[in-house]
N, C-alpha and C. Protein backbone atom coordinates (compact mmCIF):
# COMPACT_ATOMS: atom_id res chain seq x y z
N UNK A 1 -45.35 13.97 128.08
CA UNK A 1 -45.64 13.02 127.14
C UNK A 1 -47.01 12.22 127.70
N UNK A 2 -48.06 12.15 126.96
CA UNK A 2 -49.13 11.38 127.38
C UNK A 2 -48.96 10.01 126.72
N UNK A 3 -49.20 8.91 127.80
CA UNK A 3 -49.04 7.47 127.10
C UNK A 3 -50.20 6.58 127.56
N UNK A 4 -50.62 5.73 126.81
CA UNK A 4 -51.45 4.72 127.07
C UNK A 4 -50.47 3.25 127.69
N UNK A 5 -50.75 3.09 128.85
CA UNK A 5 -50.10 1.90 129.34
C UNK A 5 -50.85 0.51 128.91
N UNK A 6 -50.23 -0.16 128.45
CA UNK A 6 -50.65 -1.57 128.05
C UNK A 6 -50.12 -2.66 128.94
N UNK A 7 -50.90 -3.54 129.35
CA UNK A 7 -50.58 -4.81 130.29
C UNK A 7 -49.73 -5.69 129.55
N UNK A 8 -49.76 -5.87 128.17
CA UNK A 8 -49.16 -6.83 127.23
C UNK A 8 -48.00 -6.31 126.69
N UNK A 9 -47.50 -5.23 126.85
CA UNK A 9 -46.43 -4.67 126.15
C UNK A 9 -45.95 -3.26 126.52
N UNK A 10 -45.22 -2.61 125.73
CA UNK A 10 -44.67 -1.24 125.93
C UNK A 10 -45.96 -0.32 125.91
N UNK A 11 -45.61 0.90 126.66
CA UNK A 11 -46.68 1.77 126.35
C UNK A 11 -46.70 2.60 124.98
N UNK A 12 -47.80 2.92 124.62
CA UNK A 12 -48.07 3.66 123.35
C UNK A 12 -47.98 5.24 123.70
N UNK A 13 -47.05 6.06 123.05
CA UNK A 13 -47.05 7.47 123.35
C UNK A 13 -48.23 7.94 122.23
N UNK A 14 -49.07 8.79 123.11
CA UNK A 14 -50.25 9.45 122.42
C UNK A 14 -49.91 10.79 121.95
N UNK A 15 -49.22 11.52 122.73
CA UNK A 15 -48.76 12.93 122.28
C UNK A 15 -47.80 13.68 123.24
N UNK A 16 -47.04 14.52 122.71
CA UNK A 16 -46.12 15.35 123.53
C UNK A 16 -46.45 16.65 123.71
N UNK A 17 -46.65 17.22 124.86
CA UNK A 17 -47.08 18.45 125.10
C UNK A 17 -46.08 19.52 125.84
N UNK A 18 -46.19 20.79 125.70
CA UNK A 18 -45.50 21.65 126.49
C UNK A 18 -45.94 22.14 127.58
N UNK A 19 -45.14 23.06 128.47
CA UNK A 19 -45.62 23.42 129.69
C UNK A 19 -46.98 24.18 129.60
N UNK A 20 -47.62 24.03 130.67
CA UNK A 20 -48.95 25.10 130.73
C UNK A 20 -50.08 24.15 130.25
N UNK A 21 -49.89 22.79 130.11
CA UNK A 21 -50.73 22.04 129.43
C UNK A 21 -51.86 21.63 130.53
N UNK A 22 -53.08 21.30 130.16
CA UNK A 22 -54.27 20.98 131.06
C UNK A 22 -54.33 19.49 130.59
N UNK A 23 -54.36 18.49 131.43
CA UNK A 23 -54.80 17.20 131.15
C UNK A 23 -55.57 16.40 132.14
N UNK A 24 -56.30 15.48 131.74
CA UNK A 24 -57.21 14.75 132.59
C UNK A 24 -58.34 15.68 132.97
N UNK A 25 -58.70 16.51 132.16
CA UNK A 25 -60.08 17.35 132.47
C UNK A 25 -61.28 16.69 132.16
N UNK A 26 -61.24 15.70 131.24
CA UNK A 26 -62.73 15.13 130.89
C UNK A 26 -62.88 14.03 131.80
N UNK A 27 -61.80 13.23 132.41
CA UNK A 27 -61.98 12.44 133.35
C UNK A 27 -62.38 13.14 134.60
N UNK A 28 -61.92 14.28 134.83
CA UNK A 28 -62.16 14.98 136.12
C UNK A 28 -63.53 15.35 136.16
N UNK A 29 -64.18 15.87 135.20
CA UNK A 29 -65.57 16.18 135.15
C UNK A 29 -66.55 14.84 135.05
N UNK A 30 -66.07 13.85 134.58
CA UNK A 30 -66.89 12.51 134.46
C UNK A 30 -66.67 11.71 135.62
N UNK A 31 -65.75 12.31 136.71
CA UNK A 31 -65.51 11.52 137.88
C UNK A 31 -64.71 9.94 137.48
N UNK A 32 -63.97 9.99 136.54
CA UNK A 32 -63.49 8.69 136.21
C UNK A 32 -61.87 8.60 136.45
N UNK A 33 -61.55 7.39 136.52
CA UNK A 33 -59.91 7.38 136.63
C UNK A 33 -59.22 7.70 135.43
N UNK A 34 -57.97 8.02 135.56
CA UNK A 34 -57.22 8.48 134.39
C UNK A 34 -57.04 7.18 133.54
N UNK A 35 -57.31 7.45 132.28
CA UNK A 35 -57.08 6.21 131.38
C UNK A 35 -55.66 6.39 130.56
N UNK A 36 -54.91 7.43 130.88
CA UNK A 36 -53.57 7.35 130.28
C UNK A 36 -52.58 8.11 131.42
N UNK A 37 -51.20 7.86 131.27
CA UNK A 37 -50.48 8.22 132.24
C UNK A 37 -49.61 9.57 131.49
N UNK A 38 -49.11 10.34 132.45
CA UNK A 38 -48.30 11.46 132.01
C UNK A 38 -46.98 11.55 132.46
N UNK A 39 -45.95 11.25 131.58
CA UNK A 39 -44.57 11.30 131.87
C UNK A 39 -43.87 12.56 131.57
N UNK A 40 -43.15 13.17 132.42
CA UNK A 40 -42.51 14.27 132.29
C UNK A 40 -41.01 14.02 131.93
N UNK A 41 -40.45 14.89 131.15
CA UNK A 41 -39.19 14.47 130.57
C UNK A 41 -38.00 15.59 131.23
N UNK A 42 -38.62 16.65 131.89
CA UNK A 42 -37.59 17.57 132.53
C UNK A 42 -38.34 18.06 133.88
N UNK A 43 -37.73 18.30 134.76
CA UNK A 43 -38.15 18.74 136.05
C UNK A 43 -39.14 19.97 135.97
N UNK A 44 -40.18 19.80 136.77
CA UNK A 44 -41.24 20.95 136.70
C UNK A 44 -42.15 20.81 137.82
N UNK A 45 -43.17 21.68 137.69
CA UNK A 45 -44.20 21.83 138.80
C UNK A 45 -45.47 21.15 138.10
N UNK A 46 -46.27 20.41 138.90
CA UNK A 46 -47.43 19.80 138.38
C UNK A 46 -48.43 20.35 139.46
N UNK A 47 -49.60 20.91 139.03
CA UNK A 47 -50.49 21.17 140.00
C UNK A 47 -51.88 20.28 139.73
N UNK A 48 -52.48 19.92 140.88
CA UNK A 48 -53.63 19.04 140.78
C UNK A 48 -54.91 19.76 141.57
N UNK A 49 -55.95 19.72 140.70
CA UNK A 49 -57.15 20.18 141.42
C UNK A 49 -58.17 19.07 141.87
N UNK A 50 -58.33 19.14 143.09
CA UNK A 50 -59.31 17.90 143.37
C UNK A 50 -60.79 18.45 143.32
N UNK A 51 -61.70 17.61 143.25
CA UNK A 51 -63.21 17.93 143.28
C UNK A 51 -63.61 18.64 144.44
N UNK A 52 -63.02 18.34 145.63
CA UNK A 52 -63.29 18.96 146.99
C UNK A 52 -62.69 20.49 146.71
N UNK A 53 -61.61 20.76 146.10
CA UNK A 53 -60.95 21.98 145.94
C UNK A 53 -61.94 22.92 145.00
N UNK A 54 -62.40 22.24 143.92
CA UNK A 54 -63.31 22.76 143.12
C UNK A 54 -64.61 23.21 143.85
N UNK A 55 -65.18 22.33 144.42
CA UNK A 55 -66.30 22.70 145.40
C UNK A 55 -66.19 23.84 146.34
N UNK A 56 -65.08 23.87 146.90
CA UNK A 56 -64.56 24.95 147.87
C UNK A 56 -64.58 26.23 147.09
N UNK A 57 -63.90 26.20 145.89
CA UNK A 57 -63.54 27.25 145.07
C UNK A 57 -65.15 27.85 144.69
N UNK A 58 -66.11 26.96 144.35
CA UNK A 58 -67.46 27.32 143.92
C UNK A 58 -68.17 28.13 145.03
N UNK A 59 -67.94 27.63 146.41
CA UNK A 59 -68.57 28.29 147.41
C UNK A 59 -67.91 29.65 147.84
N UNK A 60 -66.54 29.61 147.82
CA UNK A 60 -66.14 30.79 148.17
C UNK A 60 -65.84 31.82 147.26
N UNK A 61 -65.77 31.54 145.99
CA UNK A 61 -65.55 32.58 144.82
C UNK A 61 -66.30 32.03 143.72
N UNK A 62 -67.55 32.05 143.67
CA UNK A 62 -68.33 31.46 142.50
C UNK A 62 -67.88 32.11 141.00
N UNK A 63 -67.51 33.41 141.14
CA UNK A 63 -67.15 33.87 139.80
C UNK A 63 -65.86 33.45 139.35
N UNK A 64 -64.69 33.14 140.18
CA UNK A 64 -63.61 32.56 139.80
C UNK A 64 -64.01 31.06 139.37
N UNK A 65 -64.80 30.23 139.98
CA UNK A 65 -65.24 28.83 139.50
C UNK A 65 -65.90 28.88 138.27
N UNK A 66 -66.75 30.09 137.82
CA UNK A 66 -67.33 30.02 136.58
C UNK A 66 -66.23 30.32 135.43
N UNK A 67 -65.26 31.17 135.71
CA UNK A 67 -64.15 31.38 134.96
C UNK A 67 -63.15 30.23 134.52
N UNK A 68 -63.16 29.32 135.68
CA UNK A 68 -62.55 28.13 135.55
C UNK A 68 -63.17 27.23 134.57
N UNK A 69 -64.46 26.94 134.88
CA UNK A 69 -65.24 26.21 133.97
C UNK A 69 -65.40 26.48 132.46
N UNK A 70 -65.38 27.86 132.24
CA UNK A 70 -65.54 28.32 130.91
C UNK A 70 -63.96 28.05 130.26
N UNK A 71 -63.06 28.28 131.19
CA UNK A 71 -61.50 27.94 130.43
C UNK A 71 -61.40 26.48 130.14
N UNK A 72 -62.05 25.44 130.94
CA UNK A 72 -62.01 24.07 130.56
C UNK A 72 -62.87 23.78 129.39
N UNK A 73 -64.02 24.57 129.50
CA UNK A 73 -64.96 24.17 128.18
C UNK A 73 -64.26 24.78 126.85
N UNK A 74 -63.65 25.87 126.95
CA UNK A 74 -62.83 26.17 125.73
C UNK A 74 -61.71 25.32 125.24
N UNK A 75 -61.01 24.94 126.30
CA UNK A 75 -59.92 23.86 126.23
C UNK A 75 -60.52 22.62 125.43
N UNK A 76 -61.49 22.28 126.02
CA UNK A 76 -62.14 20.77 125.43
C UNK A 76 -62.46 21.18 124.12
N UNK A 77 -63.17 22.18 123.60
CA UNK A 77 -63.80 22.63 122.39
C UNK A 77 -62.53 22.62 121.64
N UNK A 78 -61.33 23.33 121.97
CA UNK A 78 -60.08 23.51 120.94
C UNK A 78 -59.53 21.87 120.74
N UNK A 79 -59.69 21.09 121.84
CA UNK A 79 -59.13 19.67 121.52
C UNK A 79 -60.04 18.96 120.53
N UNK A 80 -61.31 19.22 120.51
CA UNK A 80 -62.32 18.39 119.74
C UNK A 80 -62.28 19.05 118.31
N UNK A 81 -61.93 20.17 118.13
CA UNK A 81 -62.04 20.77 116.62
C UNK A 81 -60.72 20.65 115.80
């Protein structure tokens, strides 16, 4: 569940998502802090990609990095449509 934390009240649930979901991609590319929190309801694994890791990927495997950027662009496009 993605939620907006409010300083003067209960958090607002924005949406509930299933496994395999990408979150925080826009803030990642804009180098901004997260504007929402993610709350998991069941045990699972969360993967985090840092800017440094993406830079290393770009140096070590530019083709993989290009596929990653294309995946994120497609994901963002689907969210906007």
